[in-house]
């Protein structure tokens, strides 16, 4: 195993886990995750950071995927402790291993920045939602301020190597609309006490139109 592979396997997941569970990040997760209802699917469920924020009584069943099998065990334990029917698998968002029209809610927090093909992932999220279902999201992406966006463009190539392929410049609201969702914008803004180039956030509820 080379140094890069060792870093990706052992260090990078811990770095991302710490970065995604700071106090300010948790405050914003707490504004989005409790809105989940019914049969829930979480993309990039990681080591279970979001488990503490679900409204346990509002969730009927819980499923999720993450590319890192080593991070799933903790998440499985936390989800099972909530008393739900749980199905968590290793997988990627470009090919979600669940049937179409299965879930009432899809939860996606700080995940679209790292996927290889965000358009395909959004298409898959829409596919697995029931008609009228909702994708709840909290993501970071391209800042609206030209000076900040300029620095994002400069830093991103190095940042991706250190942060598991994390992109700084991907659009958020417009990406969901482009994938055929009706988007209710719940909020946007820079994360307090965080460099602007890394944490422009947009969060909302993207509804799959009934067919």
C-alpha atoms as a PDB file:
ATOM      1  CA  UNK A   1       0.000   0.000   0.000  1.00  0.00           C
ATOM      2  CA  UNK A   2       1.440   3.364  -1.057  1.00  0.00           C
ATOM      3  CA  UNK A   3       1.419   6.462   1.130  1.00  0.00           C
ATOM      4  CA  UNK A   4      -1.525   7.918  -0.784  1.00  0.00           C
ATOM      5  CA  UNK A   5      -3.601   4.750  -0.390  1.00  0.00           C
ATOM      6  CA  UNK A   6      -2.725   4.552   3.298  1.00  0.00           C
ATOM      7  CA  UNK A   7      -3.791   8.182   3.795  1.00  0.00           C
ATOM      8  CA  UNK A   8      -7.087   7.599   1.963  1.00  0.00           C
ATOM      9  CA  UNK A   9      -7.852   4.455   3.964  1.00  0.00           C
ATOM     10  CA  UNK A  10      -6.835   5.515   7.470  1.00  0.00           C
ATOM     11  CA  UNK A  11      -6.367   9.280   7.818  1.00  0.00           C
ATOM     12  CA  UNK A  12      -8.733  10.903   5.346  1.00  0.00           C
ATOM     13  CA  UNK A  13     -11.975   9.417   6.835  1.00  0.00           C
ATOM     14  CA  UNK A  14     -10.971  10.697  10.275  1.00  0.00           C
ATOM     15  CA  UNK A  15     -10.140  14.153   8.942  1.00  0.00           C
ATOM     16  CA  UNK A  16     -13.488  14.386   7.155  1.00  0.00           C
ATOM     17  CA  UNK A  17     -15.332  13.020  10.179  1.00  0.00           C
ATOM     18  CA  UNK A  18     -13.835  15.685  12.430  1.00  0.00           C
ATOM     19  CA  UNK A  19     -14.456  18.495   9.937  1.00  0.00           C
ATOM     20  CA  UNK A  20     -18.078  17.455   9.405  1.00  0.00           C
ATOM     21  CA  UNK A  21     -18.903  17.274  13.101  1.00  0.00           C
ATOM     22  CA  UNK A  22     -17.760  20.657  14.388  1.00  0.00           C
ATOM     23  CA  UNK A  23     -20.218  22.667  16.446  1.00  0.00           C
ATOM     24  CA  UNK A  24     -21.278  25.016  13.648  1.00  0.00           C
ATOM     25  CA  UNK A  25     -21.739  22.136  11.200  1.00  0.00           C
ATOM     26  CA  UNK A  26     -23.867  20.231  13.703  1.00  0.00           C
ATOM     27  CA  UNK A  27     -26.094  23.280  14.193  1.00  0.00           C
ATOM     28  CA  UNK A  28     -26.902  23.310  10.496  1.00  0.00           C
ATOM     29  CA  UNK A  29     -27.432  19.559  10.352  1.00  0.00           C
ATOM     30  CA  UNK A  30     -29.974  20.041  13.156  1.00  0.00           C
ATOM     31  CA  UNK A  31     -31.990  22.360  10.897  1.00  0.00           C
ATOM     32  CA  UNK A  32     -32.326  19.798   8.093  1.00  0.00           C
ATOM     33  CA  UNK A  33     -32.180  16.184   9.284  1.00  0.00           C
ATOM     34  CA  UNK A  34     -35.190  16.317  11.698  1.00  0.00           C
ATOM     35  CA  UNK A  35     -37.449  17.029   8.713  1.00  0.00           C
ATOM     36  CA  UNK A  36     -37.034  13.447   7.442  1.00  0.00           C
ATOM     37  CA  UNK A  37     -40.192  11.357   7.427  1.00  0.00           C
ATOM     38  CA  UNK A  38     -41.318   7.822   6.582  1.00  0.00           C
ATOM     39  CA  UNK A  39     -38.974   5.439   4.779  1.00  0.00           C
ATOM     40  CA  UNK A  40     -35.640   7.291   4.812  1.00  0.00           C
ATOM     41  CA  UNK A  41     -32.504   6.845   2.720  1.00  0.00           C
ATOM     42  CA  UNK A  42     -29.264   8.640   3.580  1.00  0.00           C
ATOM     43  CA  UNK A  43     -26.557   9.157   0.974  1.00  0.00           C
ATOM     44  CA  UNK A  44     -23.061   9.113   2.467  1.00  0.00           C
ATOM     45  CA  UNK A  45     -24.234   8.021   5.904  1.00  0.00           C
ATOM     46  CA  UNK A  46     -20.596   7.783   6.997  1.00  0.00           C
ATOM     47  CA  UNK A  47     -20.056   7.052  10.649  1.00  0.00           C
ATOM     48  CA  UNK A  48     -23.552   8.097  11.687  1.00  0.00           C
ATOM     49  CA  UNK A  49     -23.108  11.803  12.397  1.00  0.00           C
ATOM     50  CA  UNK A  50     -26.725  12.550  11.464  1.00  0.00           C
ATOM     51  CA  UNK A  51     -28.271   9.840  13.637  1.00  0.00           C
ATOM     52  CA  UNK A  52     -28.580  12.152  16.642  1.00  0.00           C
ATOM     53  CA  UNK A  53     -30.791  14.562  14.708  1.00  0.00           C
ATOM     54  CA  UNK A  54     -33.500  12.319  13.280  1.00  0.00           C
ATOM     55  CA  UNK A  55     -36.997  12.528  14.731  1.00  0.00           C
ATOM     56  CA  UNK A  56     -37.064   8.855  15.727  1.00  0.00           C
ATOM     57  CA  UNK A  57     -40.862   8.637  15.842  1.00  0.00           C
ATOM     58  CA  UNK A  58     -41.240  10.158  12.376  1.00  0.00           C
ATOM     59  CA  UNK A  59     -38.988   7.591  10.666  1.00  0.00           C
ATOM     60  CA  UNK A  60     -40.478   4.245   9.636  1.00  0.00           C
ATOM     61  CA  UNK A  61     -37.338   2.605   8.238  1.00  0.00           C
ATOM     62  CA  UNK A  62     -33.773   3.678   7.529  1.00  0.00           C
ATOM     63  CA  UNK A  63     -31.404   2.774   4.698  1.00  0.00           C
ATOM     64  CA  UNK A  64     -28.125   4.234   3.556  1.00  0.00           C
ATOM     65  CA  UNK A  65     -24.921   3.793   1.612  1.00  0.00           C
ATOM     66  CA  UNK A  66     -21.335   4.923   1.982  1.00  0.00           C
ATOM     67  CA  UNK A  67     -18.252   3.993  -0.056  1.00  0.00           C
ATOM     68  CA  UNK A  68     -16.202   3.392   3.109  1.00  0.00           C
ATOM     69  CA  UNK A  69     -17.212   0.068   4.645  1.00  0.00           C
ATOM     70  CA  UNK A  70     -15.119   0.791   7.733  1.00  0.00           C
ATOM     71  CA  UNK A  71     -17.257   3.824   8.531  1.00  0.00           C
ATOM     72  CA  UNK A  72     -20.564   1.991   8.209  1.00  0.00           C
ATOM     73  CA  UNK A  73     -20.352  -0.177  11.309  1.00  0.00           C
ATOM     74  CA  UNK A  74     -20.694   2.733  13.702  1.00  0.00           C
ATOM     75  CA  UNK A  75     -23.597   4.104  11.670  1.00  0.00           C
ATOM     76  CA  UNK A  76     -25.355   0.728  11.652  1.00  0.00           C
ATOM     77  CA  UNK A  77     -25.085   0.477  15.419  1.00  0.00           C
ATOM     78  CA  UNK A  78     -26.490   3.965  15.932  1.00  0.00           C
ATOM     79  CA  UNK A  79     -29.389   3.440  13.516  1.00  0.00           C
ATOM     80  CA  UNK A  80     -30.316   0.056  14.951  1.00  0.00           C
ATOM     81  CA  UNK A  81     -30.378   1.630  18.399  1.00  0.00           C
ATOM     82  CA  UNK A  82     -33.225   3.860  17.235  1.00  0.00           C
ATOM     83  CA  UNK A  83     -35.424   0.799  16.827  1.00  0.00           C
ATOM     84  CA  UNK A  84     -35.811   1.084  13.055  1.00  0.00           C
ATOM     85  CA  UNK A  85     -35.624  -1.520  10.315  1.00  0.00           C
ATOM     86  CA  UNK A  86     -32.117  -0.819   8.993  1.00  0.00           C
ATOM     87  CA  UNK A  87     -30.457  -1.628   5.648  1.00  0.00           C
ATOM     88  CA  UNK A  88     -27.037  -0.018   5.193  1.00  0.00           C
ATOM     89  CA  UNK A  89     -24.703  -1.017   2.395  1.00  0.00           C
ATOM     90  CA  UNK A  90     -21.358  -0.122   0.917  1.00  0.00           C
ATOM     91  CA  UNK A  91     -21.974   1.702  -2.350  1.00  0.00           C
ATOM     92  CA  UNK A  92     -21.730   4.886  -4.383  1.00  0.00           C
ATOM     93  CA  UNK A  93     -24.329   7.484  -5.267  1.00  0.00           C
ATOM     94  CA  UNK A  94     -23.952   6.977  -9.005  1.00  0.00           C
ATOM     95  CA  UNK A  95     -25.446   3.488  -8.651  1.00  0.00           C
ATOM     96  CA  UNK A  96     -27.686   3.356  -5.568  1.00  0.00           C
ATOM     97  CA  UNK A  97     -28.506  -0.315  -4.841  1.00  0.00           C
ATOM     98  CA  UNK A  98     -32.193   0.177  -4.022  1.00  0.00           C
ATOM     99  CA  UNK A  99     -35.347  -0.079  -6.119  1.00  0.00           C
ATOM    100  CA  UNK A 100     -37.075   2.882  -7.743  1.00  0.00           C
ATOM    101  CA  UNK A 101     -39.844   4.690  -5.822  1.00  0.00           C
ATOM    102  CA  UNK A 102     -38.838   3.168  -2.490  1.00  0.00           C
ATOM    103  CA  UNK A 103     -38.276   6.116  -0.134  1.00  0.00           C
ATOM    104  CA  UNK A 104     -40.287   9.025   1.215  1.00  0.00           C
ATOM    105  CA  UNK A 105     -37.167  11.015   2.100  1.00  0.00           C
ATOM    106  CA  UNK A 106     -33.577  11.131   0.900  1.00  0.00           C
ATOM    107  CA  UNK A 107     -31.072  12.878   3.179  1.00  0.00           C
ATOM    108  CA  UNK A 108     -27.840  14.247   1.704  1.00  0.00           C
ATOM    109  CA  UNK A 109     -25.461  16.328   3.849  1.00  0.00           C
ATOM    110  CA  UNK A 110     -21.952  17.394   2.799  1.00  0.00           C
ATOM    111  CA  UNK A 111     -21.806  14.545   0.289  1.00  0.00           C
ATOM    112  CA  UNK A 112     -22.348  15.895  -3.232  1.00  0.00           C
ATOM    113  CA  UNK A 113     -18.992  17.661  -3.053  1.00  0.00           C
ATOM    114  CA  UNK A 114     -17.131  14.328  -3.181  1.00  0.00           C
ATOM    115  CA  UNK A 115     -19.076  12.233  -5.702  1.00  0.00           C
ATOM    116  CA  UNK A 116     -17.566  11.668  -9.144  1.00  0.00           C
ATOM    117  CA  UNK A 117     -20.702  12.458 -11.162  1.00  0.00           C
ATOM    118  CA  UNK A 118     -23.135  14.755  -9.310  1.00  0.00           C
ATOM    119  CA  UNK A 119     -25.678  14.780 -12.150  1.00  0.00           C
ATOM    120  CA  UNK A 120     -25.910  10.986 -12.076  1.00  0.00           C
ATOM    121  CA  UNK A 121     -26.156  10.980  -8.276  1.00  0.00           C
ATOM    122  CA  UNK A 122     -29.036  13.467  -8.332  1.00  0.00           C
ATOM    123  CA  UNK A 123     -30.745  11.362 -10.985  1.00  0.00           C
ATOM    124  CA  UNK A 124     -30.386   8.301  -8.753  1.00  0.00           C
ATOM    125  CA  UNK A 125     -31.731  10.194  -5.747  1.00  0.00           C
ATOM    126  CA  UNK A 126     -34.773  11.203  -7.755  1.00  0.00           C
ATOM    127  CA  UNK A 127     -35.245   7.641  -9.010  1.00  0.00           C
ATOM    128  CA  UNK A 128     -35.423   6.043  -5.567  1.00  0.00           C
ATOM    129  CA  UNK A 129     -37.869   8.637  -4.214  1.00  0.00           C
ATOM    130  CA  UNK A 130     -41.584   7.913  -4.229  1.00  0.00           C
ATOM    131  CA  UNK A 131     -43.706  10.399  -6.227  1.00  0.00           C
ATOM    132  CA  UNK A 132     -44.033  13.474  -4.045  1.00  0.00           C
ATOM    133  CA  UNK A 133     -41.016  12.430  -1.963  1.00  0.00           C
ATOM    134  CA  UNK A 134     -38.424  14.899  -0.709  1.00  0.00           C
ATOM    135  CA  UNK A 135     -34.650  15.146  -0.864  1.00  0.00           C
ATOM    136  CA  UNK A 136     -33.372  17.071   2.156  1.00  0.00           C
ATOM    137  CA  UNK A 137     -29.939  18.547   1.566  1.00  0.00           C
ATOM    138  CA  UNK A 138     -27.231  20.585   3.258  1.00  0.00           C
ATOM    139  CA  UNK A 139     -24.203  21.072   1.044  1.00  0.00           C
ATOM    140  CA  UNK A 140     -21.252  23.365   0.548  1.00  0.00           C
ATOM    141  CA  UNK A 141     -20.296  24.682  -2.861  1.00  0.00           C
ATOM    142  CA  UNK A 142     -19.464  27.615  -5.050  1.00  0.00           C
ATOM    143  CA  UNK A 143     -19.714  30.957  -3.249  1.00  0.00           C
ATOM    144  CA  UNK A 144     -21.742  33.794  -4.802  1.00  0.00           C
ATOM    145  CA  UNK A 145     -18.992  36.365  -4.154  1.00  0.00           C
ATOM    146  CA  UNK A 146     -16.556  36.677  -7.042  1.00  0.00           C
ATOM    147  CA  UNK A 147     -13.467  37.149  -4.860  1.00  0.00           C
ATOM    148  CA  UNK A 148     -14.256  34.092  -2.743  1.00  0.00           C
ATOM    149  CA  UNK A 149     -15.065  32.003  -5.825  1.00  0.00           C
ATOM    150  CA  UNK A 150     -11.718  32.995  -7.328  1.00  0.00           C
ATOM    151  CA  UNK A 151      -9.907  31.561  -4.315  1.00  0.00           C
ATOM    152  CA  UNK A 152     -12.040  28.435  -4.467  1.00  0.00           C
ATOM    153  CA  UNK A 153     -10.882  27.870  -8.048  1.00  0.00           C
ATOM    154  CA  UNK A 154      -7.246  28.273  -6.984  1.00  0.00           C
ATOM    155  CA  UNK A 155      -7.402  26.061  -3.904  1.00  0.00           C
ATOM    156  CA  UNK A 156      -9.645  23.264  -5.184  1.00  0.00           C
ATOM    157  CA  UNK A 157      -7.002  21.157  -7.014  1.00  0.00           C
ATOM    158  CA  UNK A 158      -4.919  20.748  -3.844  1.00  0.00           C
ATOM    159  CA  UNK A 159      -7.949  20.561  -1.556  1.00  0.00           C
ATOM    160  CA  UNK A 160      -9.380  17.602  -3.473  1.00  0.00           C
ATOM    161  CA  UNK A 161      -6.249  15.555  -2.831  1.00  0.00           C
ATOM    162  CA  UNK A 162      -6.311  16.258   0.918  1.00  0.00           C
ATOM    163  CA  UNK A 163     -10.053  15.945   1.489  1.00  0.00           C
ATOM    164  CA  UNK A 164     -11.137  12.775  -0.270  1.00  0.00           C
ATOM    165  CA  UNK A 165     -12.009  14.360  -3.606  1.00  0.00           C
ATOM    166  CA  UNK A 166     -14.020  17.201  -2.070  1.00  0.00           C
ATOM    167  CA  UNK A 167     -14.896  19.939  -4.581  1.00  0.00           C
ATOM    168  CA  UNK A 168     -15.314  23.569  -3.545  1.00  0.00           C
ATOM    169  CA  UNK A 169     -16.965  24.947  -6.670  1.00  0.00           C
ATOM    170  CA  UNK A 170     -20.030  22.833  -7.386  1.00  0.00           C
ATOM    171  CA  UNK A 171     -23.447  24.553  -7.586  1.00  0.00           C
ATOM    172  CA  UNK A 172     -26.166  23.386  -5.185  1.00  0.00           C
ATOM    173  CA  UNK A 173     -29.671  24.856  -5.597  1.00  0.00           C
ATOM    174  CA  UNK A 174     -29.319  25.047  -9.377  1.00  0.00           C
ATOM    175  CA  UNK A 175     -28.036  21.464  -9.542  1.00  0.00           C
ATOM    176  CA  UNK A 176     -31.179  20.134  -7.842  1.00  0.00           C
ATOM    177  CA  UNK A 177     -33.421  22.183 -10.139  1.00  0.00           C
ATOM    178  CA  UNK A 178     -31.491  20.958 -13.146  1.00  0.00           C
ATOM    179  CA  UNK A 179     -32.173  17.374 -12.021  1.00  0.00           C
ATOM    180  CA  UNK A 180     -35.939  17.952 -12.111  1.00  0.00           C
ATOM    181  CA  UNK A 181     -36.643  18.777  -8.464  1.00  0.00           C
ATOM    182  CA  UNK A 182     -38.893  21.543  -7.147  1.00  0.00           C
ATOM    183  CA  UNK A 183     -36.625  23.252  -4.622  1.00  0.00           C
ATOM    184  CA  UNK A 184     -37.733  24.963  -1.433  1.00  0.00           C
ATOM    185  CA  UNK A 185     -34.700  27.008  -0.387  1.00  0.00           C
ATOM    186  CA  UNK A 186     -34.517  26.822   3.408  1.00  0.00           C
ATOM    187  CA  UNK A 187     -31.308  28.802   3.853  1.00  0.00           C
ATOM    188  CA  UNK A 188     -27.893  29.827   2.591  1.00  0.00           C
ATOM    189  CA  UNK A 189     -24.789  31.505   3.945  1.00  0.00           C
ATOM    190  CA  UNK A 190     -21.189  31.139   5.008  1.00  0.00           C
ATOM    191  CA  UNK A 191     -20.455  28.885   7.956  1.00  0.00           C
ATOM    192  CA  UNK A 192     -19.483  31.026  10.976  1.00  0.00           C
ATOM    193  CA  UNK A 193     -15.875  30.806  12.178  1.00  0.00           C
ATOM    194  CA  UNK A 194     -14.835  29.010   8.981  1.00  0.00           C
ATOM    195  CA  UNK A 195     -12.814  30.257   5.976  1.00  0.00           C
ATOM    196  CA  UNK A 196     -15.266  31.515   3.371  1.00  0.00           C
ATOM    197  CA  UNK A 197     -13.670  29.559   0.545  1.00  0.00           C
ATOM    198  CA  UNK A 198     -14.511  26.217   2.159  1.00  0.00           C
ATOM    199  CA  UNK A 199     -17.972  26.690   3.642  1.00  0.00           C
ATOM    200  CA  UNK A 200     -20.552  28.491   1.554  1.00  0.00           C
ATOM    201  CA  UNK A 201     -23.666  26.462   2.460  1.00  0.00           C
ATOM    202  CA  UNK A 202     -27.046  26.026   0.837  1.00  0.00           C
ATOM    203  CA  UNK A 203     -29.780  23.870   2.354  1.00  0.00           C
ATOM    204  CA  UNK A 204     -33.300  23.002   1.416  1.00  0.00           C
ATOM    205  CA  UNK A 205     -36.008  20.487   0.554  1.00  0.00           C
ATOM    206  CA  UNK A 206     -36.150  19.283  -3.054  1.00  0.00           C
ATOM    207  CA  UNK A 207     -39.486  17.708  -3.958  1.00  0.00           C
ATOM    208  CA  UNK A 208     -39.921  15.060  -6.616  1.00  0.00           C
ATOM    209  CA  UNK A 209     -42.946  16.114  -8.643  1.00  0.00           C
ATOM    210  CA  UNK A 210     -45.730  13.542  -8.633  1.00  0.00           C
ATOM    211  CA  UNK A 211     -46.110  11.648 -11.899  1.00  0.00           C
END
